[in-house]
Amino acid sequence: MKLYLVVRHDLTPGARAAQLCHAMRQFADEHPRVERAWFEASNTLVLLEVDDEPALAALASDASSRGVDVARFHEPDLGHALTAIALGPTARSLVRRLPLALRPR
């Protein structure tokens, strides 16, 4: 069982790392049963990236429309921009082609 954290590539590496953490915390708050099951079963995270805010918003919307558990994090210090999302275990097919986060492109 994996959770998928997705961040915007257009942020600095340090900001990306922080936003991924924020997204995970948001997911735990919004989906406590899913988070608990994940934590007890595997505790595996997959960190991924998309290019920018529109791509992240589209992915979150697509996931929601397919019934995937989603948590969106909006960063107050960046004008409440959408910076990262966390997706539940059923999101694999939506994210399998995304690049790993925090790697040079």
C-alpha atoms as a PDB file:
ATOM      1  CA  MET A   1       0.000   0.000   0.000  1.00  0.00           C
ATOM      2  CA  LYS A   2       1.458   3.342  -1.082  1.00  0.00           C
ATOM      3  CA  LEU A   3       0.510   6.979  -0.749  1.00  0.00           C
ATOM      4  CA  TYR A   4       1.473   9.355  -3.532  1.00  0.00           C
ATOM      5  CA  LEU A   5       2.659  12.896  -2.804  1.00  0.00           C
ATOM      6  CA  VAL A   6       2.864  15.254  -5.769  1.00  0.00           C
ATOM      7  CA  VAL A   7       4.510  18.666  -5.782  1.00  0.00           C
ATOM      8  CA  ARG A   8       5.119  21.431  -8.312  1.00  0.00           C
ATOM      9  CA  HIS A   9       8.497  21.395 -10.057  1.00  0.00           C
ATOM     10  CA  ASP A  10       8.427  25.189 -10.452  1.00  0.00           C
ATOM     11  CA  LEU A  11       9.197  25.611  -6.729  1.00  0.00           C
ATOM     12  CA  THR A  12      12.704  25.604  -5.260  1.00  0.00           C
ATOM     13  CA  PRO A  13      13.991  22.227  -4.028  1.00  0.00           C
ATOM     14  CA  GLY A  14      13.664  23.295  -0.386  1.00  0.00           C
ATOM     15  CA  ALA A  15      10.124  24.529  -0.932  1.00  0.00           C
ATOM     16  CA  ARG A  16       9.222  21.295  -2.725  1.00  0.00           C
ATOM     17  CA  ALA A  17      10.419  19.229   0.230  1.00  0.00           C
ATOM     18  CA  ALA A  18       8.411  21.335   2.678  1.00  0.00           C
ATOM     19  CA  GLN A  19       5.272  21.254   0.528  1.00  0.00           C
ATOM     20  CA  LEU A  20       5.416  17.455   0.256  1.00  0.00           C
ATOM     21  CA  CYS A  21       5.454  17.282   4.058  1.00  0.00           C
ATOM     22  CA  HIS A  22       2.521  19.679   4.266  1.00  0.00           C
ATOM     23  CA  ALA A  23       0.529  17.557   1.807  1.00  0.00           C
ATOM     24  CA  MET A  24       1.139  14.424   3.862  1.00  0.00           C
ATOM     25  CA  ARG A  25      -0.026  16.175   7.023  1.00  0.00           C
ATOM     26  CA  GLN A  26      -3.130  17.443   5.216  1.00  0.00           C
ATOM     27  CA  PHE A  27      -3.914  13.916   4.012  1.00  0.00           C
ATOM     28  CA  ALA A  28      -3.603  12.493   7.540  1.00  0.00           C
ATOM     29  CA  ASP A  29      -6.013  15.154   8.788  1.00  0.00           C
ATOM     30  CA  GLU A  30      -8.597  14.695   6.013  1.00  0.00           C
ATOM     31  CA  HIS A  31      -8.385  10.901   5.605  1.00  0.00           C
ATOM     32  CA  PRO A  32      -7.380   9.494   9.008  1.00  0.00           C
ATOM     33  CA  ARG A  33      -8.645   5.951   8.369  1.00  0.00           C
ATOM     34  CA  VAL A  34      -6.815   5.649   5.053  1.00  0.00           C
ATOM     35  CA  GLU A  35      -3.667   7.139   6.570  1.00  0.00           C
ATOM     36  CA  ARG A  36      -3.800   4.728   9.528  1.00  0.00           C
ATOM     37  CA  ALA A  37      -4.283   1.699   7.258  1.00  0.00           C
ATOM     38  CA  TRP A  38      -1.378   2.863   5.083  1.00  0.00           C
ATOM     39  CA  PHE A  39       0.858   3.448   8.111  1.00  0.00           C
ATOM     40  CA  GLU A  40       0.136   0.015   9.553  1.00  0.00           C
ATOM     41  CA  ALA A  41       0.366  -1.846   6.228  1.00  0.00           C
ATOM     42  CA  SER A  42       3.450  -0.400   4.533  1.00  0.00           C
ATOM     43  CA  ASN A  43       4.339   3.191   5.372  1.00  0.00           C
ATOM     44  CA  THR A  44       5.595   3.610   1.773  1.00  0.00           C
ATOM     45  CA  LEU A  45       5.510   7.055   0.160  1.00  0.00           C
ATOM     46  CA  VAL A  46       6.103   7.868  -3.496  1.00  0.00           C
ATOM     47  CA  LEU A  47       7.224  11.462  -4.111  1.00  0.00           C
ATOM     48  CA  LEU A  48       6.396  12.795  -7.575  1.00  0.00           C
ATOM     49  CA  GLU A  49       6.318  16.069  -9.504  1.00  0.00           C
ATOM     50  CA  VAL A  50       4.259  17.920 -12.064  1.00  0.00           C
ATOM     51  CA  ASP A  51       5.359  21.074 -13.880  1.00  0.00           C
ATOM     52  CA  ASP A  52       3.206  23.750 -12.270  1.00  0.00           C
ATOM     53  CA  GLU A  53       0.020  24.725 -10.419  1.00  0.00           C
ATOM     54  CA  PRO A  54      -2.392  24.144 -13.347  1.00  0.00           C
ATOM     55  CA  ALA A  55      -1.013  20.613 -13.834  1.00  0.00           C
ATOM     56  CA  LEU A  56      -1.324  19.917 -10.103  1.00  0.00           C
ATOM     57  CA  ALA A  57      -4.895  21.225  -9.992  1.00  0.00           C
ATOM     58  CA  ALA A  58      -5.830  19.097 -13.019  1.00  0.00           C
ATOM     59  CA  LEU A  59      -4.373  15.976 -11.395  1.00  0.00           C
ATOM     60  CA  ALA A  60      -6.244  16.652  -8.143  1.00  0.00           C
ATOM     61  CA  SER A  61      -9.486  17.204 -10.033  1.00  0.00           C
ATOM     62  CA  ASP A  62      -9.014  14.037 -12.083  1.00  0.00           C
ATOM     63  CA  ALA A  63      -8.289  12.026  -8.943  1.00  0.00           C
ATOM     64  CA  SER A  64     -11.368  13.400  -7.175  1.00  0.00           C
ATOM     65  CA  SER A  65     -13.604  12.616 -10.145  1.00  0.00           C
ATOM     66  CA  ARG A  66     -12.339   9.005 -10.068  1.00  0.00           C
ATOM     67  CA  GLY A  67     -13.052   8.607  -6.359  1.00  0.00           C
ATOM     68  CA  VAL A  68      -9.405   8.670  -5.245  1.00  0.00           C
ATOM     69  CA  ASP A  69      -8.776  10.099  -1.763  1.00  0.00           C
ATOM     70  CA  VAL A  70      -7.136  13.503  -2.276  1.00  0.00           C
ATOM     71  CA  ALA A  71      -5.775  16.173   0.027  1.00  0.00           C
ATOM     72  CA  ARG A  72      -4.760  19.535  -1.424  1.00  0.00           C
ATOM     73  CA  PHE A  73      -2.281  21.818   0.318  1.00  0.00           C
ATOM     74  CA  HIS A  74      -2.449  25.557  -0.321  1.00  0.00           C
ATOM     75  CA  GLU A  75       0.585  27.477   0.951  1.00  0.00           C
ATOM     76  CA  PRO A  76      -0.356  30.609   2.918  1.00  0.00           C
ATOM     77  CA  ASP A  77       3.076  32.166   2.285  1.00  0.00           C
ATOM     78  CA  LEU A  78       2.523  31.899  -1.480  1.00  0.00           C
ATOM     79  CA  GLY A  79      -0.884  33.565  -1.615  1.00  0.00           C
ATOM     80  CA  HIS A  80      -2.668  30.289  -0.828  1.00  0.00           C
ATOM     81  CA  ALA A  81      -1.446  28.774  -4.095  1.00  0.00           C
ATOM     82  CA  LEU A  82      -1.900  25.038  -4.549  1.00  0.00           C
ATOM     83  CA  THR A  83       1.603  23.658  -4.015  1.00  0.00           C
ATOM     84  CA  ALA A  84       1.210  19.921  -3.344  1.00  0.00           C
ATOM     85  CA  ILE A  85      -1.340  17.143  -3.107  1.00  0.00           C
ATOM     86  CA  ALA A  86      -1.462  13.744  -1.473  1.00  0.00           C
ATOM     87  CA  LEU A  87      -3.286  10.869  -3.131  1.00  0.00           C
ATOM     88  CA  GLY A  88      -4.539   7.620  -1.676  1.00  0.00           C
ATOM     89  CA  PRO A  89      -3.428   4.124  -2.647  1.00  0.00           C
ATOM     90  CA  THR A  90      -5.843   3.836  -5.581  1.00  0.00           C
ATOM     91  CA  ALA A  91      -4.066   6.633  -7.487  1.00  0.00           C
ATOM     92  CA  ARG A  92      -1.354   4.455  -9.032  1.00  0.00           C
ATOM     93  CA  SER A  93      -2.768   4.531 -12.561  1.00  0.00           C
ATOM     94  CA  LEU A  94      -3.014   8.342 -12.446  1.00  0.00           C
ATOM     95  CA  VAL A  95       0.593   8.937 -11.411  1.00  0.00           C
ATOM     96  CA  ARG A  96       2.645   6.110 -12.846  1.00  0.00           C
ATOM     97  CA  ARG A  97       4.156   8.261 -15.605  1.00  0.00           C
ATOM     98  CA  LEU A  98       5.089  11.230 -13.394  1.00  0.00           C
ATOM     99  CA  PRO A  99       8.770  11.821 -12.641  1.00  0.00           C
ATOM    100  CA  LEU A 100      10.136  11.304  -9.154  1.00  0.00           C
ATOM    101  CA  ALA A 101      10.342  14.475  -7.075  1.00  0.00           C
ATOM    102  CA  LEU A 102      13.514  16.341  -6.194  1.00  0.00           C
ATOM    103  CA  ARG A 103      15.563  14.853  -9.014  1.00  0.00           C
ATOM    104  CA  PRO A 104      17.284  17.023 -11.614  1.00  0.00           C
ATOM    105  CA  ARG A 105      15.486  17.151 -14.946  1.00  0.00           C
END
